[in-house]
Protein backbone atom coordinates (compact mmCIF):
# COMPACT_ATOMS: atom_id res chain seq x y z
CA MET A 1 -1.14 -37.70 46.69
CA PRO A 2 -3.08 -40.80 45.65
CA GLN A 3 -1.28 -44.00 44.70
CA MET A 4 -2.31 -45.66 41.44
CA THR A 5 -1.27 -48.57 39.30
CA ILE A 6 -0.07 -47.71 35.81
CA ALA A 7 -3.19 -49.36 34.37
CA LYS A 8 -5.49 -47.24 36.58
CA ALA A 9 -3.53 -44.08 35.78
CA LEU A 10 -3.90 -44.71 32.05
CA GLY A 11 -7.63 -45.28 32.45
CA ASP A 12 -8.04 -42.12 34.51
CA GLY A 13 -5.99 -40.17 31.98
CA LEU A 14 -8.20 -41.38 29.14
CA ARG A 15 -11.30 -40.51 31.17
CA ALA A 16 -9.99 -36.97 31.75
CA ALA A 17 -9.25 -36.54 28.02
CA MET A 18 -12.73 -37.78 27.08
CA GLU A 19 -14.42 -35.47 29.58
CA ARG A 20 -12.56 -32.47 28.15
CA ASP A 21 -13.16 -33.22 24.48
CA PRO A 22 -16.24 -35.00 23.07
CA LYS A 23 -14.25 -35.75 19.90
CA VAL A 24 -11.99 -38.20 21.78
CA LEU A 25 -12.94 -41.80 21.00
CA VAL A 26 -11.52 -45.08 22.32
CA MET A 27 -11.56 -48.09 20.01
CA GLY A 28 -10.12 -51.58 19.93
CA GLU A 29 -10.72 -55.25 20.56
CA ASP A 30 -12.65 -55.78 23.83
CA VAL A 31 -12.03 -52.24 25.08
CA GLY A 32 -15.72 -51.63 25.82
CA LYS A 33 -17.77 -54.22 27.66
CA LEU A 34 -14.69 -56.13 28.90
CA GLY A 35 -12.62 -53.01 29.64
CA GLY A 36 -9.59 -54.31 27.74
CA VAL A 37 -7.45 -57.37 28.41
CA PHE A 38 -5.55 -55.40 31.08
CA ARG A 39 -8.70 -53.51 32.21
CA VAL A 40 -7.20 -50.14 31.30
CA THR A 41 -10.49 -48.97 29.74
CA ASP A 42 -12.70 -50.51 32.41
CA GLY A 43 -15.88 -48.49 32.92
CA LEU A 44 -15.38 -46.09 30.01
CA GLN A 45 -18.05 -47.60 27.76
CA LYS A 46 -20.53 -47.62 30.65
CA ASP A 47 -19.94 -43.91 31.30
CA PHE A 48 -19.42 -42.59 27.74
CA GLY A 49 -21.51 -44.98 25.68
CA GLU A 50 -20.91 -47.28 22.74
CA GLN A 51 -20.55 -44.37 20.30
CA ARG A 52 -17.37 -43.21 22.03
CA VAL A 53 -15.92 -46.50 23.30
CA LEU A 54 -16.11 -48.93 20.41
CA ASP A 55 -15.55 -52.68 20.49
CA THR A 56 -14.06 -53.41 17.08
CA PRO A 57 -13.70 -56.58 15.00
CA LEU A 58 -10.41 -58.50 15.31
CA SER A 59 -8.69 -56.50 12.59
CA GLU A 60 -5.79 -54.23 13.49
CA SER A 61 -5.64 -52.95 9.91
CA GLY A 62 -9.32 -52.07 10.13
CA ILE A 63 -8.86 -50.36 13.50
CA ILE A 64 -6.03 -48.12 12.25
CA GLY A 65 -7.66 -47.44 8.89
CA THR A 66 -10.91 -46.42 10.57
CA ALA A 67 -8.98 -44.16 12.96
CA VAL A 68 -7.31 -42.41 10.03
CA GLY A 69 -10.71 -41.66 8.51
CA LEU A 70 -12.10 -40.47 11.84
CA ALA A 71 -9.12 -38.17 12.38
CA ILE A 72 -9.61 -36.63 8.93
CA ARG A 73 -13.19 -35.85 10.00
CA GLY A 74 -12.02 -34.08 13.16
CA TYR A 75 -12.09 -36.83 15.79
CA ARG A 76 -9.26 -37.87 18.11
CA PRO A 77 -9.25 -41.67 18.14
CA VAL A 78 -7.28 -43.67 20.71
CA CYS A 79 -6.68 -47.17 19.35
CA GLU A 80 -5.75 -50.05 21.61
CA ILE A 81 -3.66 -52.86 20.15
CA GLN A 82 -4.31 -55.74 22.51
CA PHE A 83 -0.71 -57.05 22.52
CA ASP A 84 2.49 -55.82 20.91
CA GLY A 85 2.77 -58.78 18.52
CA PHE A 86 -0.71 -58.05 17.15
CA VAL A 87 0.27 -54.66 15.73
CA PHE A 88 1.84 -55.99 12.55
CA PRO A 89 -1.41 -56.55 10.60
CA GLY A 90 -1.93 -52.80 11.12
CA TYR A 91 1.69 -51.84 10.38
CA ASP A 92 0.97 -51.04 6.72
CA GLN A 93 -1.80 -48.61 7.68
CA ILE A 94 0.45 -46.99 10.30
CA VAL A 95 3.43 -46.54 7.98
CA SER A 96 1.67 -45.89 4.67
CA GLN A 97 -1.23 -43.74 5.88
CA LEU A 98 -1.14 -42.66 9.52
CA ALA A 99 2.45 -41.38 9.44
CA LYS A 100 2.13 -39.55 6.12
CA VAL A 101 -1.21 -37.73 5.95
CA ARG A 102 -0.16 -34.58 7.80
CA PHE A 103 3.01 -34.23 5.72
CA ARG A 104 1.25 -35.01 2.44
CA SER A 105 -1.30 -32.28 3.19
CA GLN A 106 1.43 -29.77 4.13
CA GLY A 107 0.02 -29.65 7.65
CA LYS A 108 -3.54 -28.85 6.58
CA VAL A 109 -4.90 -32.19 7.78
CA PRO A 110 -3.96 -33.02 11.38
CA MET A 111 -3.70 -36.70 12.28
CA PRO A 112 -4.40 -36.82 16.06
CA VAL A 113 -4.42 -40.61 16.48
CA VAL A 114 -2.93 -42.41 19.50
CA VAL A 115 -2.03 -46.07 19.09
CA ARG A 116 -1.66 -47.71 22.51
CA ILE A 117 0.55 -50.80 22.55
CA PRO A 118 1.33 -52.89 25.67
CA PHE A 119 4.91 -53.98 25.05
CA GLY A 120 7.75 -56.05 26.42
CA GLY A 121 8.04 -59.37 28.19
CA GLY A 122 7.96 -60.62 31.73
CA ILE A 123 4.39 -61.91 32.03
CA GLY A 124 4.93 -65.52 30.95
CA ALA A 125 2.81 -65.11 27.84
CA VAL A 126 2.63 -67.21 24.69
CA GLU A 127 4.09 -66.32 21.30
CA HIS A 128 3.27 -62.88 19.80
CA HIS A 129 2.46 -61.46 23.26
CA SER A 130 5.93 -60.28 24.36
CA GLU A 131 7.48 -58.21 21.58
CA SER A 132 9.54 -55.01 21.74
CA PRO A 133 8.90 -53.41 18.32
CA GLU A 134 9.62 -49.81 19.31
CA SER A 135 12.67 -49.42 17.04
CA LEU A 136 10.52 -50.21 14.00
CA PHE A 137 8.19 -47.32 14.78
CA ALA A 138 10.93 -44.92 15.90
CA HIS A 139 12.42 -45.22 12.40
CA VAL A 140 9.20 -44.12 10.66
CA ALA A 141 9.15 -40.43 9.79
CA GLY A 142 5.92 -38.71 10.83
CA LEU A 143 5.31 -40.70 14.01
CA LYS A 144 5.97 -39.65 17.57
CA VAL A 145 6.91 -42.62 19.76
CA VAL A 146 6.77 -42.51 23.56
CA ALA A 147 6.95 -45.00 26.44
CA CYS A 148 5.75 -44.42 30.00
CA SER A 149 7.39 -46.14 32.97
CA ASN A 150 5.36 -45.11 36.02
CA ALA A 151 1.82 -44.18 37.00
CA GLU A 152 2.29 -40.40 37.07
CA ASP A 153 3.80 -40.33 33.60
CA ALA A 154 1.09 -42.70 32.37
CA TYR A 155 -1.65 -40.39 33.67
CA TRP A 156 -0.24 -37.25 32.05
CA MET A 157 1.44 -38.64 28.94
CA ILE A 158 -1.71 -40.32 27.62
CA GLN A 159 -3.57 -37.01 27.91
CA GLN A 160 -0.75 -35.12 26.20
CA ALA A 161 -0.64 -37.72 23.44
CA VAL A 162 -4.39 -37.34 22.83
CA GLU A 163 -3.94 -33.57 22.48
CA THR A 164 -1.12 -33.93 19.93
CA ASP A 165 -2.01 -33.26 16.29
CA ASP A 166 0.56 -35.79 15.05
CA PRO A 167 0.09 -39.56 15.39
CA VAL A 168 1.58 -40.96 18.59
CA ILE A 169 2.64 -44.56 19.15
CA PHE A 170 2.17 -44.99 22.89
CA PHE A 171 4.05 -47.91 24.43
CA GLU A 172 2.93 -49.19 27.83
CA PRO A 173 5.09 -51.58 29.92
CA LYS A 174 2.69 -54.49 30.39
CA ARG A 175 4.62 -56.20 33.18
CA ARG A 176 4.47 -52.97 35.20
CA TYR A 177 0.71 -52.36 34.77
CA TRP A 178 -0.10 -53.36 38.35
CA GLU A 179 2.76 -51.53 40.11
CA LYS A 180 1.72 -48.54 42.20
CA SER A 181 3.25 -45.12 42.64
CA GLU A 182 2.09 -41.65 43.62
CA VAL A 183 0.28 -39.54 41.03
CA ASP A 184 0.05 -35.78 41.40
CA THR A 185 -2.99 -34.90 39.31
CA ALA A 186 -2.69 -31.20 40.17
CA GLN A 187 0.85 -30.38 39.09
CA ALA A 188 1.83 -29.21 35.61
CA PRO A 189 3.23 -32.24 33.78
CA ALA A 190 6.61 -32.44 32.07
CA PRO A 191 6.54 -32.02 28.27
CA LEU A 192 5.52 -35.20 26.46
CA LEU A 193 8.76 -35.51 24.49
CA ALA A 194 11.21 -34.73 27.30
CA SER A 195 13.68 -37.06 29.02
CA ARG A 196 13.85 -36.94 32.80
CA VAL A 197 16.66 -37.53 35.30
CA LEU A 198 15.10 -39.82 37.91
CA ARG A 199 18.20 -40.33 40.04
CA PRO A 200 21.20 -37.98 39.98
CA GLY A 201 24.66 -39.54 40.05
CA ARG A 202 28.33 -38.79 39.43
CA GLN A 203 30.05 -41.86 37.97
CA VAL A 204 27.97 -43.61 35.27
CA THR A 205 24.94 -42.48 33.25
CA VAL A 206 22.29 -45.15 32.71
CA ALA A 207 19.66 -44.34 30.06
CA CYS A 208 16.54 -46.48 29.81
CA TYR A 209 12.79 -46.43 29.18
CA GLY A 210 9.57 -48.33 29.76
CA PRO A 211 9.70 -51.54 31.81
CA LEU A 212 13.45 -51.35 32.45
CA VAL A 213 13.38 -48.02 34.27
CA LYS A 214 12.50 -49.82 37.50
CA THR A 215 15.26 -52.37 36.86
CA CYS A 216 17.84 -49.61 36.37
CA LEU A 217 16.73 -47.76 39.51
CA GLU A 218 17.10 -51.01 41.45
CA ALA A 219 20.55 -51.48 39.90
CA ALA A 220 21.53 -47.97 41.03
CA THR A 221 20.42 -48.76 44.58
CA ALA A 222 22.41 -52.01 44.55
CA ALA A 223 25.47 -50.23 43.13
CA GLU A 224 25.31 -47.67 45.92
CA ALA A 225 26.10 -50.46 48.41
CA ASP A 226 29.37 -50.98 46.49
CA GLY A 227 30.22 -47.30 46.55
CA LEU A 228 29.10 -46.56 42.99
CA ASP A 229 26.97 -43.54 42.09
CA LEU A 230 24.76 -44.05 39.01
CA GLU A 231 22.64 -41.41 37.29
CA VAL A 232 19.41 -42.89 35.85
CA ILE A 233 17.61 -41.13 32.99
CA ASP A 234 14.15 -42.14 31.77
CA LEU A 235 14.13 -41.32 28.04
CA ARG A 236 10.28 -41.32 27.83
CA ALA A 237 10.33 -40.25 24.15
CA LEU A 238 11.94 -42.60 21.62
CA SER A 239 11.20 -40.47 18.56
CA PRO A 240 12.11 -37.70 18.57
CA LEU A 241 14.77 -38.50 21.17
CA ASP A 242 15.43 -35.84 23.78
CA LEU A 243 19.13 -36.48 24.38
CA GLY A 244 20.01 -33.11 25.90
CA PRO A 245 19.89 -34.46 29.49
CA VAL A 246 21.89 -37.51 28.39
CA PHE A 247 24.61 -35.37 26.78
CA GLU A 248 24.80 -33.17 29.87
CA SER A 249 25.06 -36.20 32.13
CA VAL A 250 27.70 -37.97 30.03
CA ARG A 251 29.86 -34.84 29.95
CA ARG A 252 29.97 -35.13 33.75
CA THR A 253 30.23 -38.89 34.21
CA GLY A 254 32.24 -39.92 31.14
CA HIS A 255 30.35 -43.24 31.02
CA LEU A 256 27.06 -44.32 29.45
CA VAL A 257 25.10 -47.57 29.62
CA VAL A 258 21.89 -47.76 27.54
CA VAL A 259 19.31 -50.37 28.54
CA SER A 260 16.40 -51.78 26.51
CA GLU A 261 14.46 -55.03 26.08
CA ALA A 262 14.54 -54.72 22.29
CA PRO A 263 17.22 -56.49 20.23
CA SER A 264 20.39 -54.42 19.84
CA GLU A 265 20.82 -54.58 16.06
CA SER A 266 19.73 -51.35 14.31
CA SER A 267 17.80 -50.17 17.36
CA VAL A 268 16.95 -47.11 19.45
CA THR A 269 19.96 -47.97 21.61
CA SER A 270 22.17 -47.93 18.50
CA GLU A 271 20.99 -44.42 17.66
CA ILE A 272 21.65 -43.20 21.20
CA ALA A 273 25.15 -44.69 21.19
CA ALA A 274 25.97 -43.07 17.84
CA ARG A 275 24.71 -39.63 18.79
CA VAL A 276 26.34 -39.60 22.22
CA GLN A 277 29.67 -40.56 20.68
CA GLN A 278 29.25 -37.75 18.13
CA GLU A 279 28.33 -35.10 20.70
CA CYS A 280 30.37 -36.20 23.71
CA PHE A 281 33.41 -37.86 22.15
CA TYR A 282 35.99 -35.97 24.20
CA SER A 283 34.06 -36.51 27.44
CA LEU A 284 33.75 -40.28 27.13
CA GLU A 285 36.17 -42.37 29.18
CA ALA A 286 34.82 -45.64 27.74
CA PRO A 287 32.71 -46.73 24.75
CA VAL A 288 28.95 -46.51 25.12
CA LEU A 289 27.78 -49.94 26.30
CA ARG A 290 24.35 -51.43 25.70
CA VAL A 291 22.32 -53.95 27.68
CA THR A 292 19.51 -55.28 25.50
CA GLY A 293 17.44 -58.26 24.51
CA PHE A 294 19.22 -60.67 22.22
CA ASP A 295 19.06 -60.58 18.42
CA THR A 296 16.63 -63.49 18.28
CA PRO A 297 12.85 -63.83 18.22
CA TYR A 298 11.38 -63.63 21.70
CA PRO A 299 11.82 -67.03 23.39
CA PRO A 300 9.20 -69.27 25.02
CA SER A 301 8.11 -67.99 28.42
CA ALA A 302 10.17 -70.63 30.25
CA CYS A 303 13.31 -68.94 28.90
CA GLU A 304 12.34 -65.28 29.13
CA GLU A 305 14.18 -64.61 32.39
CA ASP A 306 17.40 -65.47 30.56
CA PHE A 307 16.44 -63.19 27.66
CA LEU A 308 15.37 -60.07 29.50
CA PRO A 309 17.98 -57.59 30.76
CA ASP A 310 18.11 -57.75 34.54
CA LEU A 311 19.85 -56.04 37.44
CA ASP A 312 22.97 -58.23 37.15
CA ARG A 313 23.43 -57.51 33.45
CA VAL A 314 23.09 -53.77 34.06
CA LEU A 315 25.63 -53.84 36.90
CA ASP A 316 28.01 -55.95 34.79
CA ALA A 317 27.91 -53.29 32.06
CA VAL A 318 28.55 -50.58 34.65
CA ASP A 319 31.58 -52.48 35.95
CA ARG A 320 32.91 -53.03 32.41
CA SER A 321 32.51 -49.36 31.59
CA LEU A 322 34.35 -48.23 34.71
CA ALA A 323 37.11 -50.80 34.14
CA TRP A 324 37.83 -49.59 30.60
C-alpha cells in the first residue's frame, strides 16, 4: 500500500471526487493557482480548470454564501477556510443558512456543502491561526462535524463528505498534514460517522480525535512499558457522536479519559462525559476525566507547548483515574 501525507491524501481524495462527479467544485482563498496554503489542492486547478477550482476573494462570508447558492442549483461545493480562526466571518452564513436549508425545505433541497477547516495548534503560528472551534459547530443542529486523524481516513472521509447531502464541517489537523501513513485506496472505507478502536486495551479507555490521536497512541505505547493497557478510540465524528464503541469499551475497562485541544467548558468532551456517565454509570470505577486545552484564548506560539495536551498530561489523567 502506498504511503501518503494527510495533505496528499486529502488532495487525492478531492481529485477522485471531482473525477467522479462534474458537479463537485473546490473554492477558497488561494486554492487554485497556489494550491492552498498547505498545498492540499495543488494541481487541481491545472487539471480541472478555473471553472471548477475557484480562487475567491478574501471573504469567508462570501465563500459560504456562494456555496449555499451553488448547492441549491445542484452543485457540490467544497469550501476551504484557510485557517480555523478565519471561519468566524462566515459563521453567520453557516449557522443561519447552510445548517437550516435542508430542514426548512423538509428535505426537498439538499445542501451538499463541505467546509474544510485546518484546526488546532502546534505549528508556531500567529494569532487567529491556531483555534479549536469544533464545539461551536457540533452544537449547531443541521451540521455534520467530522475530524480526520490519519492519511487513510483523510482520503476516504473527504470523498464521503462530498457525497453527503447534508452540510459537513470537515476539520483537518494542520500540525499532522505532513505525517505519512499507509493508505489502502482499494478497500471499502468505514462509515463517515463511525468511531474506530485503533488500539484495543483492558484497563483504561482513551477517546480522542484529530491531532491528538497520535499523542494518545504514543501515550498508550509509553503506558505499556509501565504495565498499563490502554484502549484508544478515534471518535472521527463529533456530531453526531458515535459513542457505541466508547460505551462498549467503558463497560469493560471501567475508566474513561477524553482528550481534546479545545477548551473544556461546554465542549464536545463535556457531552461525551455526560453521556458516558448516563449510559455506563454502574460500570464506571472512576469519574470520566478530561485532558483539554485551557479555558483561555489560544496563547502566543512561544507558550503553546504549555497549552496543548501532551503525552504526560494524558498519562497523568490515566494514573489519576486508576488511583480513584
